[in-house]
Amino acid sequence: MSVAIKRATVYFDSSLHRVLRLKSAETSRSVSELVNEAVSTALHEDLDDLEIFQKRAHEPTISLESALKELKRNGKI
């Protein structure tokens, strides 16, 4: 399966870029590979979070004020 590749310009903080280049050299992987993997991982985590939020959408909610009152009533604070 062929994957289309798009070029983008990304600006890194100089210290992050230095560490990224070091990791690239140490792992024999390109900076692009490392960045693609990091972005893919972050987006996958976002997708997981959205699925969890969707499953919990109908759960009852409680206000912060109510939660604090309950903690105080139970001697937790």
PDB file of N, CA and C in Angstrom:
ATOM      1  N   MET A   1       0.846  -1.180   0.000  1.00  0.00           N
ATOM      2  CA  MET A   1       0.000   0.000   0.000  1.00  0.00           C
ATOM      3  C   MET A   1       0.885   1.234   0.000  1.00  0.00           C
ATOM      4  N   SER A   2       0.722   2.093  -0.943  1.00  0.00           N
ATOM      5  CA  SER A   2       1.514   3.308  -1.058  1.00  0.00           C
ATOM      6  C   SER A   2       0.853   4.433  -0.271  1.00  0.00           C
ATOM      7  N   VAL A   3       1.650   5.161   0.482  1.00  0.00           N
ATOM      8  CA  VAL A   3       1.142   6.257   1.294  1.00  0.00           C
ATOM      9  C   VAL A   3       1.571   7.570   0.660  1.00  0.00           C
ATOM     10  N   ALA A   4       0.615   8.466   0.452  1.00  0.00           N
ATOM     11  CA  ALA A   4       0.942   9.780  -0.097  1.00  0.00           C
ATOM     12  C   ALA A   4       1.676  10.582   0.963  1.00  0.00           C
ATOM     13  N   ILE A   5       2.719  11.243   0.564  1.00  0.00           N
ATOM     14  CA  ILE A   5       3.524  12.030   1.496  1.00  0.00           C
ATOM     15  C   ILE A   5       3.361  13.499   1.154  1.00  0.00           C
ATOM     16  N   LYS A   6       3.098  14.307   2.164  1.00  0.00           N
ATOM     17  CA  LYS A   6       2.972  15.747   2.004  1.00  0.00           C
ATOM     18  C   LYS A   6       4.094  16.423   2.768  1.00  0.00           C
ATOM     19  N   ARG A   7       4.577  17.490   2.231  1.00  0.00           N
ATOM     20  CA  ARG A   7       5.656  18.239   2.859  1.00  0.00           C
ATOM     21  C   ARG A   7       5.051  19.385   3.670  1.00  0.00           C
ATOM     22  N   ALA A   8       5.628  19.634   4.853  1.00  0.00           N
ATOM     23  CA  ALA A   8       5.178  20.736   5.706  1.00  0.00           C
ATOM     24  C   ALA A   8       6.381  21.355   6.396  1.00  0.00           C
ATOM     25  N   THR A   9       6.263  22.610   6.694  1.00  0.00           N
ATOM     26  CA  THR A   9       7.314  23.287   7.452  1.00  0.00           C
ATOM     27  C   THR A   9       6.861  23.377   8.895  1.00  0.00           C
ATOM     28  N   VAL A  10       7.711  22.904   9.801  1.00  0.00           N
ATOM     29  CA  VAL A  10       7.404  22.915  11.230  1.00  0.00           C
ATOM     30  C   VAL A  10       8.549  23.614  11.938  1.00  0.00           C
ATOM     31  N   TYR A  11       8.217  24.522  12.836  1.00  0.00           N
ATOM     32  CA  TYR A  11       9.238  25.235  13.593  1.00  0.00           C
ATOM     33  C   TYR A  11       9.283  24.686  15.011  1.00  0.00           C
ATOM     34  N   PHE A  12      10.483  24.278  15.441  1.00  0.00           N
ATOM     35  CA  PHE A  12      10.684  23.729  16.780  1.00  0.00           C
ATOM     36  C   PHE A  12      11.485  24.699  17.631  1.00  0.00           C
ATOM     37  N   ASP A  13      11.244  24.663  18.906  1.00  0.00           N
ATOM     38  CA  ASP A  13      12.121  25.327  19.858  1.00  0.00           C
ATOM     39  C   ASP A  13      13.516  24.732  19.638  1.00  0.00           C
ATOM     40  N   SER A  14      14.550  25.554  19.716  1.00  0.00           N
ATOM     41  CA  SER A  14      15.898  25.083  19.371  1.00  0.00           C
ATOM     42  C   SER A  14      16.345  23.905  20.241  1.00  0.00           C
ATOM     43  N   SER A  15      16.001  23.911  21.512  1.00  0.00           N
ATOM     44  CA  SER A  15      16.420  22.794  22.369  1.00  0.00           C
ATOM     45  C   SER A  15      15.673  21.511  22.012  1.00  0.00           C
ATOM     46  N   LEU A  16      14.391  21.625  21.652  1.00  0.00           N
ATOM     47  CA  LEU A  16      13.641  20.437  21.213  1.00  0.00           C
ATOM     48  C   LEU A  16      14.210  19.898  19.904  1.00  0.00           C
ATOM     49  N   HIS A  17      14.558  20.797  19.006  1.00  0.00           N
ATOM     50  CA  HIS A  17      15.109  20.373  17.721  1.00  0.00           C
ATOM     51  C   HIS A  17      16.436  19.646  17.915  1.00  0.00           C
ATOM     52  N   ARG A  18      17.258  20.149  18.820  1.00  0.00           N
ATOM     53  CA  ARG A  18      18.551  19.501  19.103  1.00  0.00           C
ATOM     54  C   ARG A  18      18.339  18.082  19.616  1.00  0.00           C
ATOM     55  N   VAL A  19      17.418  17.930  20.557  1.00  0.00           N
ATOM     56  CA  VAL A  19      17.143  16.600  21.114  1.00  0.00           C
ATOM     57  C   VAL A  19      16.522  15.690  20.060  1.00  0.00           C
ATOM     58  N   LEU A  20      15.674  16.244  19.240  1.00  0.00           N
ATOM     59  CA  LEU A  20      15.067  15.456  18.164  1.00  0.00           C
ATOM     60  C   LEU A  20      16.121  14.949  17.187  1.00  0.00           C
ATOM     61  N   ARG A  21      17.085  15.813  16.825  1.00  0.00           N
ATOM     62  CA  ARG A  21      18.175  15.385  15.939  1.00  0.00           C
ATOM     63  C   ARG A  21      19.032  14.312  16.600  1.00  0.00           C
ATOM     64  N   LEU A  22      19.291  14.450  17.916  1.00  0.00           N
ATOM     65  CA  LEU A  22      20.067  13.436  18.639  1.00  0.00           C
ATOM     66  C   LEU A  22      19.336  12.090  18.643  1.00  0.00           C
ATOM     67  N   LYS A  23      18.030  12.151  18.906  1.00  0.00           N
ATOM     68  CA  LYS A  23      17.253  10.904  18.904  1.00  0.00           C
ATOM     69  C   LYS A  23      17.240  10.288  17.516  1.00  0.00           C
ATOM     70  N   SER A  24      17.160  11.117  16.508  1.00  0.00           N
ATOM     71  CA  SER A  24      17.188  10.637  15.132  1.00  0.00           C
ATOM     72  C   SER A  24      18.484   9.884  14.859  1.00  0.00           C
ATOM     73  N   ALA A  25      19.593  10.464  15.264  1.00  0.00           N
ATOM     74  CA  ALA A  25      20.894   9.824  15.041  1.00  0.00           C
ATOM     75  C   ALA A  25      21.021   8.541  15.846  1.00  0.00           C
ATOM     76  N   GLU A  26      20.543   8.580  17.088  1.00  0.00           N
ATOM     77  CA  GLU A  26      20.670   7.412  17.965  1.00  0.00           C
ATOM     78  C   GLU A  26      19.819   6.238  17.502  1.00  0.00           C
ATOM     79  N   THR A  27      18.660   6.530  16.916  1.00  0.00           N
ATOM     80  CA  THR A  27      17.727   5.468  16.530  1.00  0.00           C
ATOM     81  C   THR A  27      17.799   5.121  15.049  1.00  0.00           C
ATOM     82  N   SER A  28      18.662   5.833  14.311  1.00  0.00           N
ATOM     83  CA  SER A  28      18.771   5.639  12.853  1.00  0.00           C
ATOM     84  C   SER A  28      17.429   5.824  12.162  1.00  0.00           C
ATOM     85  N   ARG A  29      16.654   6.764  12.671  1.00  0.00           N
ATOM     86  CA  ARG A  29      15.364   7.108  12.067  1.00  0.00           C
ATOM     87  C   ARG A  29      15.396   8.588  11.724  1.00  0.00           C
ATOM     88  N   SER A  30      14.721   8.958  10.668  1.00  0.00           N
ATOM     89  CA  SER A  30      14.718  10.362  10.268  1.00  0.00           C
ATOM     90  C   SER A  30      13.871  11.192  11.233  1.00  0.00           C
ATOM     91  N   VAL A  31      14.159  12.482  11.240  1.00  0.00           N
ATOM     92  CA  VAL A  31      13.354  13.401  12.039  1.00  0.00           C
ATOM     93  C   VAL A  31      11.895  13.313  11.588  1.00  0.00           C
ATOM     94  N   SER A  32      11.677  13.208  10.302  1.00  0.00           N
ATOM     95  CA  SER A  32      10.310  13.081   9.776  1.00  0.00           C
ATOM     96  C   SER A  32       9.604  11.857  10.338  1.00  0.00           C
ATOM     97  N   GLU A  33      10.308  10.730  10.385  1.00  0.00           N
ATOM     98  CA  GLU A  33       9.704   9.513  10.946  1.00  0.00           C
ATOM     99  C   GLU A  33       9.320   9.723  12.403  1.00  0.00           C
ATOM    100  N   LEU A  34      10.212  10.328  13.164  1.00  0.00           N
ATOM    101  CA  LEU A  34       9.943  10.556  14.582  1.00  0.00           C
ATOM    102  C   LEU A  34       8.752  11.493  14.788  1.00  0.00           C
ATOM    103  N   VAL A  35       8.701  12.559  13.998  1.00  0.00           N
ATOM    104  CA  VAL A  35       7.598  13.515  14.117  1.00  0.00           C
ATOM    105  C   VAL A  35       6.293  12.872  13.667  1.00  0.00           C
ATOM    106  N   ASN A  36       6.309  12.137  12.558  1.00  0.00           N
ATOM    107  CA  ASN A  36       5.099  11.446  12.101  1.00  0.00           C
ATOM    108  C   ASN A  36       4.573  10.489  13.157  1.00  0.00           C
ATOM    109  N   GLU A  37       5.473   9.743  13.777  1.00  0.00           N
ATOM    110  CA  GLU A  37       5.062   8.791  14.811  1.00  0.00           C
ATOM    111  C   GLU A  37       4.458   9.522  16.006  1.00  0.00           C
ATOM    112  N   ALA A  38       5.083  10.611  16.427  1.00  0.00           N
ATOM    113  CA  ALA A  38       4.589  11.373  17.575  1.00  0.00           C
ATOM    114  C   ALA A  38       3.211  11.969  17.299  1.00  0.00           C
ATOM    115  N   VAL A  39       3.028  12.524  16.109  1.00  0.00           N
ATOM    116  CA  VAL A  39       1.734  13.113  15.750  1.00  0.00           C
ATOM    117  C   VAL A  39       0.673  12.024  15.645  1.00  0.00           C
ATOM    118  N   SER A  40       1.022  10.914  15.028  1.00  0.00           N
ATOM    119  CA  SER A  40       0.083   9.802  14.901  1.00  0.00           C
ATOM    120  C   SER A  40      -0.340   9.279  16.276  1.00  0.00           C
ATOM    121  N   THR A  41       0.616   9.148  17.181  1.00  0.00           N
ATOM    122  CA  THR A  41       0.317   8.686  18.541  1.00  0.00           C
ATOM    123  C   THR A  41      -0.615   9.664  19.251  1.00  0.00           C
ATOM    124  N   ALA A  42      -0.328  10.954  19.141  1.00  0.00           N
ATOM    125  CA  ALA A  42      -1.165  11.975  19.784  1.00  0.00           C
ATOM    126  C   ALA A  42      -2.588  11.948  19.233  1.00  0.00           C
ATOM    127  N   LEU A  43      -2.729  11.822  17.915  1.00  0.00           N
ATOM    128  CA  LEU A  43      -4.058  11.783  17.313  1.00  0.00           C
ATOM    129  C   LEU A  43      -4.810  10.516  17.699  1.00  0.00           C
ATOM    130  N   HIS A  44      -4.097   9.404  17.804  1.00  0.00           N
ATOM    131  CA  HIS A  44      -4.729   8.153  18.238  1.00  0.00           C
ATOM    132  C   HIS A  44      -5.247   8.292  19.668  1.00  0.00           C
ATOM    133  N   GLU A  45      -4.455   8.930  20.532  1.00  0.00           N
ATOM    134  CA  GLU A  45      -4.889   9.170  21.908  1.00  0.00           C
ATOM    135  C   GLU A  45      -6.121  10.062  21.929  1.00  0.00           C
ATOM    136  N   ASP A  46      -6.164  11.079  21.054  1.00  0.00           N
ATOM    137  CA  ASP A  46      -7.341  11.942  20.959  1.00  0.00           C
ATOM    138  C   ASP A  46      -8.571  11.132  20.554  1.00  0.00           C
ATOM    139  N   LEU A  47      -8.401  10.243  19.589  1.00  0.00           N
ATOM    140  CA  LEU A  47      -9.511   9.405  19.137  1.00  0.00           C
ATOM    141  C   LEU A  47     -10.002   8.526  20.273  1.00  0.00           C
ATOM    142  N   ASP A  48      -9.090   7.921  21.025  1.00  0.00           N
ATOM    143  CA  ASP A  48      -9.475   7.108  22.179  1.00  0.00           C
ATOM    144  C   ASP A  48     -10.261   7.936  23.192  1.00  0.00           C
ATOM    145  N   ASP A  49      -9.770   9.160  23.468  1.00  0.00           N
ATOM    146  CA  ASP A  49     -10.457  10.038  24.413  1.00  0.00           C
ATOM    147  C   ASP A  49     -11.870  10.365  23.934  1.00  0.00           C
ATOM    148  N   LEU A  50     -12.015  10.680  22.647  1.00  0.00           N
ATOM    149  CA  LEU A  50     -13.330  11.008  22.108  1.00  0.00           C
ATOM    150  C   LEU A  50     -14.288   9.828  22.220  1.00  0.00           C
ATOM    151  N   GLU A  51     -13.793   8.620  21.989  1.00  0.00           N
ATOM    152  CA  GLU A  51     -14.635   7.430  22.120  1.00  0.00           C
ATOM    153  C   GLU A  51     -15.087   7.250  23.561  1.00  0.00           C
ATOM    154  N   ILE A  52     -14.185   7.493  24.509  1.00  0.00           N
ATOM    155  CA  ILE A  52     -14.534   7.379  25.924  1.00  0.00           C
ATOM    156  C   ILE A  52     -15.560   8.438  26.299  1.00  0.00           C
ATOM    157  N   PHE A  53     -15.354   9.684  25.839  1.00  0.00           N
ATOM    158  CA  PHE A  53     -16.316  10.749  26.128  1.00  0.00           C
ATOM    159  C   PHE A  53     -17.687  10.395  25.578  1.00  0.00           C
ATOM    160  N   GLN A  54     -17.715   9.840  24.380  1.00  0.00           N
ATOM    161  CA  GLN A  54     -18.980   9.481  23.756  1.00  0.00           C
ATOM    162  C   GLN A  54     -19.694   8.391  24.565  1.00  0.00           C
ATOM    163  N   LYS A  55     -18.946   7.395  25.046  1.00  0.00           N
ATOM    164  CA  LYS A  55     -19.547   6.324  25.847  1.00  0.00           C
ATOM    165  C   LYS A  55     -20.107   6.851  27.165  1.00  0.00           C
ATOM    166  N   ARG A  56     -19.473   7.910  27.695  1.00  0.00           N
ATOM    167  CA  ARG A  56     -19.881   8.437  28.997  1.00  0.00           C
ATOM    168  C   ARG A  56     -20.817   9.639  28.890  1.00  0.00           C
ATOM    169  N   ALA A  57     -21.257   9.975  27.683  1.00  0.00           N
ATOM    170  CA  ALA A  57     -22.053  11.188  27.455  1.00  0.00           C
ATOM    171  C   ALA A  57     -23.347  11.220  28.262  1.00  0.00           C
ATOM    172  N   HIS A  58     -23.911  10.069  28.548  1.00  0.00           N
ATOM    173  CA  HIS A  58     -25.207  10.028  29.225  1.00  0.00           C
ATOM    174  C   HIS A  58     -25.090   9.764  30.720  1.00  0.00           C
ATOM    175  N   GLU A  59     -23.881   9.755  31.239  1.00  0.00           N
ATOM    176  CA  GLU A  59     -23.710   9.589  32.682  1.00  0.00           C
ATOM    177  C   GLU A  59     -24.153  10.863  33.389  1.00  0.00           C
ATOM    178  N   PRO A  60     -24.695  10.703  34.591  1.00  0.00           N
ATOM    179  CA  PRO A  60     -25.100  11.910  35.324  1.00  0.00           C
ATOM    180  C   PRO A  60     -23.875  12.751  35.683  1.00  0.00           C
ATOM    181  N   THR A  61     -24.086  14.043  35.751  1.00  0.00           N
ATOM    182  CA  THR A  61     -23.001  14.948  36.108  1.00  0.00           C
ATOM    183  C   THR A  61     -23.258  15.523  37.498  1.00  0.00           C
ATOM    184  N   ILE A  62     -22.207  16.020  38.107  1.00  0.00           N
ATOM    185  CA  ILE A  62     -22.307  16.646  39.414  1.00  0.00           C
ATOM    186  C   ILE A  62     -21.486  17.924  39.366  1.00  0.00           C
ATOM    187  N   SER A  63     -22.007  18.972  39.975  1.00  0.00           N
ATOM    188  CA  SER A  63     -21.284  20.236  39.965  1.00  0.00           C
ATOM    189  C   SER A  63     -20.127  20.172  40.955  1.00  0.00           C
ATOM    190  N   LEU A  64     -19.165  21.026  40.746  1.00  0.00           N
ATOM    191  CA  LEU A  64     -18.037  21.104  41.667  1.00  0.00           C
ATOM    192  C   LEU A  64     -18.532  21.440  43.070  1.00  0.00           C
ATOM    193  N   GLU A  65     -19.460  22.372  43.150  1.00  0.00           N
ATOM    194  CA  GLU A  65     -19.997  22.771  44.460  1.00  0.00           C
ATOM    195  C   GLU A  65     -20.618  21.570  45.183  1.00  0.00           C
ATOM    196  N   SER A  66     -21.404  20.774  44.472  1.00  0.00           N
ATOM    197  CA  SER A  66     -22.030  19.588  45.077  1.00  0.00           C
ATOM    198  C   SER A  66     -20.984  18.566  45.504  1.00  0.00           C
ATOM    199  N   ALA A  67     -19.971  18.373  44.672  1.00  0.00           N
ATOM    200  CA  ALA A  67     -18.920  17.414  44.999  1.00  0.00           C
ATOM    201  C   ALA A  67     -18.163  17.851  46.247  1.00  0.00           C
ATOM    202  N   LEU A  68     -17.861  19.142  46.354  1.00  0.00           N
ATOM    203  CA  LEU A  68     -17.159  19.651  47.532  1.00  0.00           C
ATOM    204  C   LEU A  68     -18.006  19.515  48.787  1.00  0.00           C
ATOM    205  N   LYS A  69     -19.302  19.805  48.677  1.00  0.00           N
ATOM    206  CA  LYS A  69     -20.207  19.659  49.825  1.00  0.00           C
ATOM    207  C   LYS A  69     -20.270  18.202  50.281  1.00  0.00           C
ATOM    208  N   GLU A  70     -20.294  17.293  49.318  1.00  0.00           N
ATOM    209  CA  GLU A  70     -20.328  15.860  49.661  1.00  0.00           C
ATOM    210  C   GLU A  70     -19.046  15.433  50.353  1.00  0.00           C
ATOM    211  N   LEU A  71     -17.903  15.902  49.875  1.00  0.00           N
ATOM    212  CA  LEU A  71     -16.631  15.594  50.535  1.00  0.00           C
ATOM    213  C   LEU A  71     -16.601  16.128  51.962  1.00  0.00           C
ATOM    214  N   LYS A  72     -17.108  17.343  52.146  1.00  0.00           N
ATOM    215  CA  LYS A  72     -17.142  17.942  53.486  1.00  0.00           C
ATOM    216  C   LYS A  72     -18.091  17.153  54.389  1.00  0.00           C
ATOM    217  N   ARG A  73     -19.250  16.779  53.878  1.00  0.00           N
ATOM    218  CA  ARG A  73     -20.243  16.025  54.650  1.00  0.00           C
ATOM    219  C   ARG A  73     -19.676  14.670  55.082  1.00  0.00           C
ATOM    220  N   ASN A  74     -18.835  14.075  54.231  1.00  0.00           N
ATOM    221  CA  ASN A  74     -18.234  12.772  54.543  1.00  0.00           C
ATOM    222  C   ASN A  74     -16.912  12.873  55.315  1.00  0.00           C
ATOM    223  N   GLY A  75     -16.546  14.094  55.704  1.00  0.00           N
ATOM    224  CA  GLY A  75     -15.335  14.302  56.487  1.00  0.00           C
ATOM    225  C   GLY A  75     -14.044  14.133  55.697  1.00  0.00           C
ATOM    226  N   LYS A  76     -14.115  14.227  54.390  1.00  0.00           N
ATOM    227  CA  LYS A  76     -12.914  14.073  53.550  1.00  0.00           C
ATOM    228  C   LYS A  76     -12.137  15.372  53.441  1.00  0.00           C
ATOM    229  N   ILE A  77     -12.830  16.500  53.623  1.00  0.00           N
ATOM    230  CA  ILE A  77     -12.142  17.806  53.633  1.00  0.00           C
ATOM    231  C   ILE A  77     -12.673  18.645  54.758  1.00  0.00           C
TER     232      ILE A  77
END
